[in-house]
Protein backbone atom coordinates (compact mmCIF):
# COMPACT_ATOMS: atom_id res chain seq x y z
CA MET A 1 -63.00 -5.22 9.66
CA ASN A 2 -60.38 -5.54 12.42
CA ALA A 3 -57.36 -6.66 10.38
CA GLU A 4 -54.05 -6.01 12.04
CA LYS A 5 -51.33 -4.65 10.07
CA GLY A 6 -47.71 -5.85 10.46
CA PHE A 7 -45.65 -9.03 9.29
CA THR A 8 -45.77 -12.45 10.61
CA LEU A 9 -42.88 -14.37 12.31
CA VAL A 10 -42.12 -16.52 9.16
CA GLU A 11 -42.12 -12.97 6.94
CA VAL A 12 -39.40 -11.49 8.80
CA LEU A 13 -37.47 -14.77 9.40
CA SER A 14 -37.57 -15.35 5.72
CA ILE A 15 -36.21 -11.81 5.12
CA ILE A 16 -33.38 -12.27 7.01
CA VAL A 17 -32.47 -15.54 5.47
CA LEU A 18 -32.69 -13.62 2.04
CA LEU A 19 -30.56 -11.06 3.24
CA GLY A 20 -27.83 -13.23 4.72
CA LEU A 21 -27.59 -15.25 1.57
CA VAL A 22 -27.30 -11.93 -0.11
CA ALA A 23 -24.55 -11.22 2.17
CA LEU A 24 -23.14 -14.87 1.83
CA LEU A 25 -22.39 -14.05 -1.69
CA ALA A 26 -21.16 -10.61 -1.64
CA PHE A 27 -18.58 -11.09 1.00
CA PRO A 28 -15.72 -12.78 -1.34
CA SER A 29 -16.36 -10.42 -3.94
CA VAL A 30 -16.02 -7.46 -1.48
CA ASP A 31 -13.16 -9.12 0.09
CA LYS A 32 -11.31 -9.57 -3.20
CA TYR A 33 -11.82 -5.97 -4.00
CA LEU A 34 -10.63 -4.30 -0.92
CA LYS A 35 -7.52 -6.81 -0.55
CA SER A 36 -6.81 -5.43 -4.33
CA ALA A 37 -7.09 -2.23 -3.29
CA LYS A 38 -4.81 -2.49 -0.22
CA GLN A 39 -2.19 -3.86 -2.40
CA GLU A 40 -2.38 -0.92 -5.12
CA ALA A 41 -2.22 1.45 -2.51
CA TYR A 42 1.23 -0.21 -1.10
CA ASN A 43 2.70 -0.36 -4.31
CA THR A 44 2.05 3.56 -4.87
CA GLN A 45 3.72 3.98 -1.47
CA VAL A 46 6.67 2.01 -2.59
CA ASN A 47 6.95 3.68 -6.19
CA ASN A 48 6.75 7.13 -4.00
CA ILE A 49 9.71 6.05 -1.95
CA ALA A 50 11.54 5.19 -4.77
CA LEU A 51 10.82 8.78 -6.58
CA SER A 52 11.57 10.31 -3.22
CA ALA A 53 15.19 8.48 -3.58
CA GLN A 54 15.48 9.81 -6.97
CA ASN A 55 14.91 12.98 -5.84
CA TRP A 56 17.72 12.45 -3.11
CA GLY A 57 20.10 11.21 -6.08
CA VAL A 58 19.28 14.47 -8.02
CA ASP A 59 20.24 16.59 -5.17
CA ASN A 60 23.28 14.19 -4.45
CA LYS A 61 24.74 13.15 -7.72
CA ILE A 62 28.26 13.10 -6.25
CA LEU A 63 27.33 10.40 -3.65
CA LEU A 64 25.73 7.96 -6.43
CA PRO A 65 27.24 4.91 -7.53
CA LYS A 66 29.72 6.07 -10.44
CA ASN A 67 30.81 2.83 -12.28
CA ASP A 68 28.49 0.40 -14.12
CA GLY A 69 27.14 -2.43 -11.78
CA GLU A 70 28.30 -0.47 -8.42
CA THR A 71 25.39 -0.46 -5.64
CA MET A 72 24.56 1.73 -2.77
CA GLU A 73 22.15 1.62 -0.28
CA ILE A 74 19.73 4.18 1.99
CA THR A 75 17.25 3.65 4.12
CA LEU A 76 13.80 5.00 4.44
CA GLY A 77 14.60 6.74 7.93
CA TYR A 78 17.70 8.50 6.04
CA LEU A 79 15.30 9.88 3.37
CA MET A 80 13.14 10.77 6.53
CA ASP A 81 16.15 12.63 8.00
CA GLN A 82 16.91 14.28 4.83
CA GLY A 83 13.21 15.63 4.32
CA TYR A 84 12.58 13.75 1.08
CA VAL A 85 9.83 11.43 2.90
CA ASP A 86 7.00 12.52 5.51
CA PHE A 87 7.36 10.92 9.10
CA ASP A 88 3.79 9.18 8.54
CA ILE A 89 3.75 6.39 6.16
CA VAL A 90 1.98 3.55 7.01
CA ASN A 91 1.69 0.37 5.48
CA PRO A 92 -2.04 -0.07 4.11
CA ILE A 93 -1.80 -3.99 4.17
CA THR A 94 -0.83 -4.29 7.69
CA LYS A 95 -1.77 -0.67 9.25
CA LYS A 96 1.49 -0.39 10.72
CA PRO A 97 4.35 2.04 10.23
CA LEU A 98 6.85 1.34 7.45
CA SER A 99 9.90 0.72 8.85
CA LYS A 100 13.04 3.27 8.82
CA GLU A 101 14.88 0.42 8.10
CA LEU A 102 13.39 -0.38 4.85
CA VAL A 103 16.27 -0.41 2.22
CA ILE A 104 16.31 1.47 -1.57
CA LEU A 105 19.00 0.19 -3.44
CA ILE A 106 20.66 2.20 -5.96
CA ARG A 107 22.23 0.78 -8.83
CA LYS A 108 24.35 2.13 -11.92
CA THR A 109 23.51 0.20 -15.09
CA GLY A 110 25.06 2.40 -18.30
CA ASN A 111 24.18 5.86 -17.34
CA ILE A 112 21.20 5.10 -15.30
CA HIS A 113 20.54 4.84 -11.88
CA ASN A 114 17.96 2.66 -10.98
CA TYR A 115 16.19 2.94 -7.53
CA GLU A 116 14.78 -0.23 -6.21
CA VAL A 117 12.99 -0.54 -2.77
CA LEU A 118 13.72 -3.80 -1.00
CA ASP A 119 10.75 -4.92 1.06
């Protein structure tokens, strides 16, 4: 008995085709998951920037709007200069650093100051 061991060309090609089909079916799900995860990471960063602005507001109450409906703006660069935000903030969606010109709007409503990141 002199049988050779191994796969035939047809068997190898059929396995490659099956793996290709599996990849084709899985790609949309994986892509959707990755986009969703990047968006969640971006939203978390925006929330963290708003929290940093709130921390700045606690330390600088005298500078905050005093009357109901008044607003003021500060920038991400200003928060960085003041030490409330790290310098290396990268947008997880675009992989580029967030602009130092990113504006945080502070609005007084009643007795509460609301912080909104305008992106």
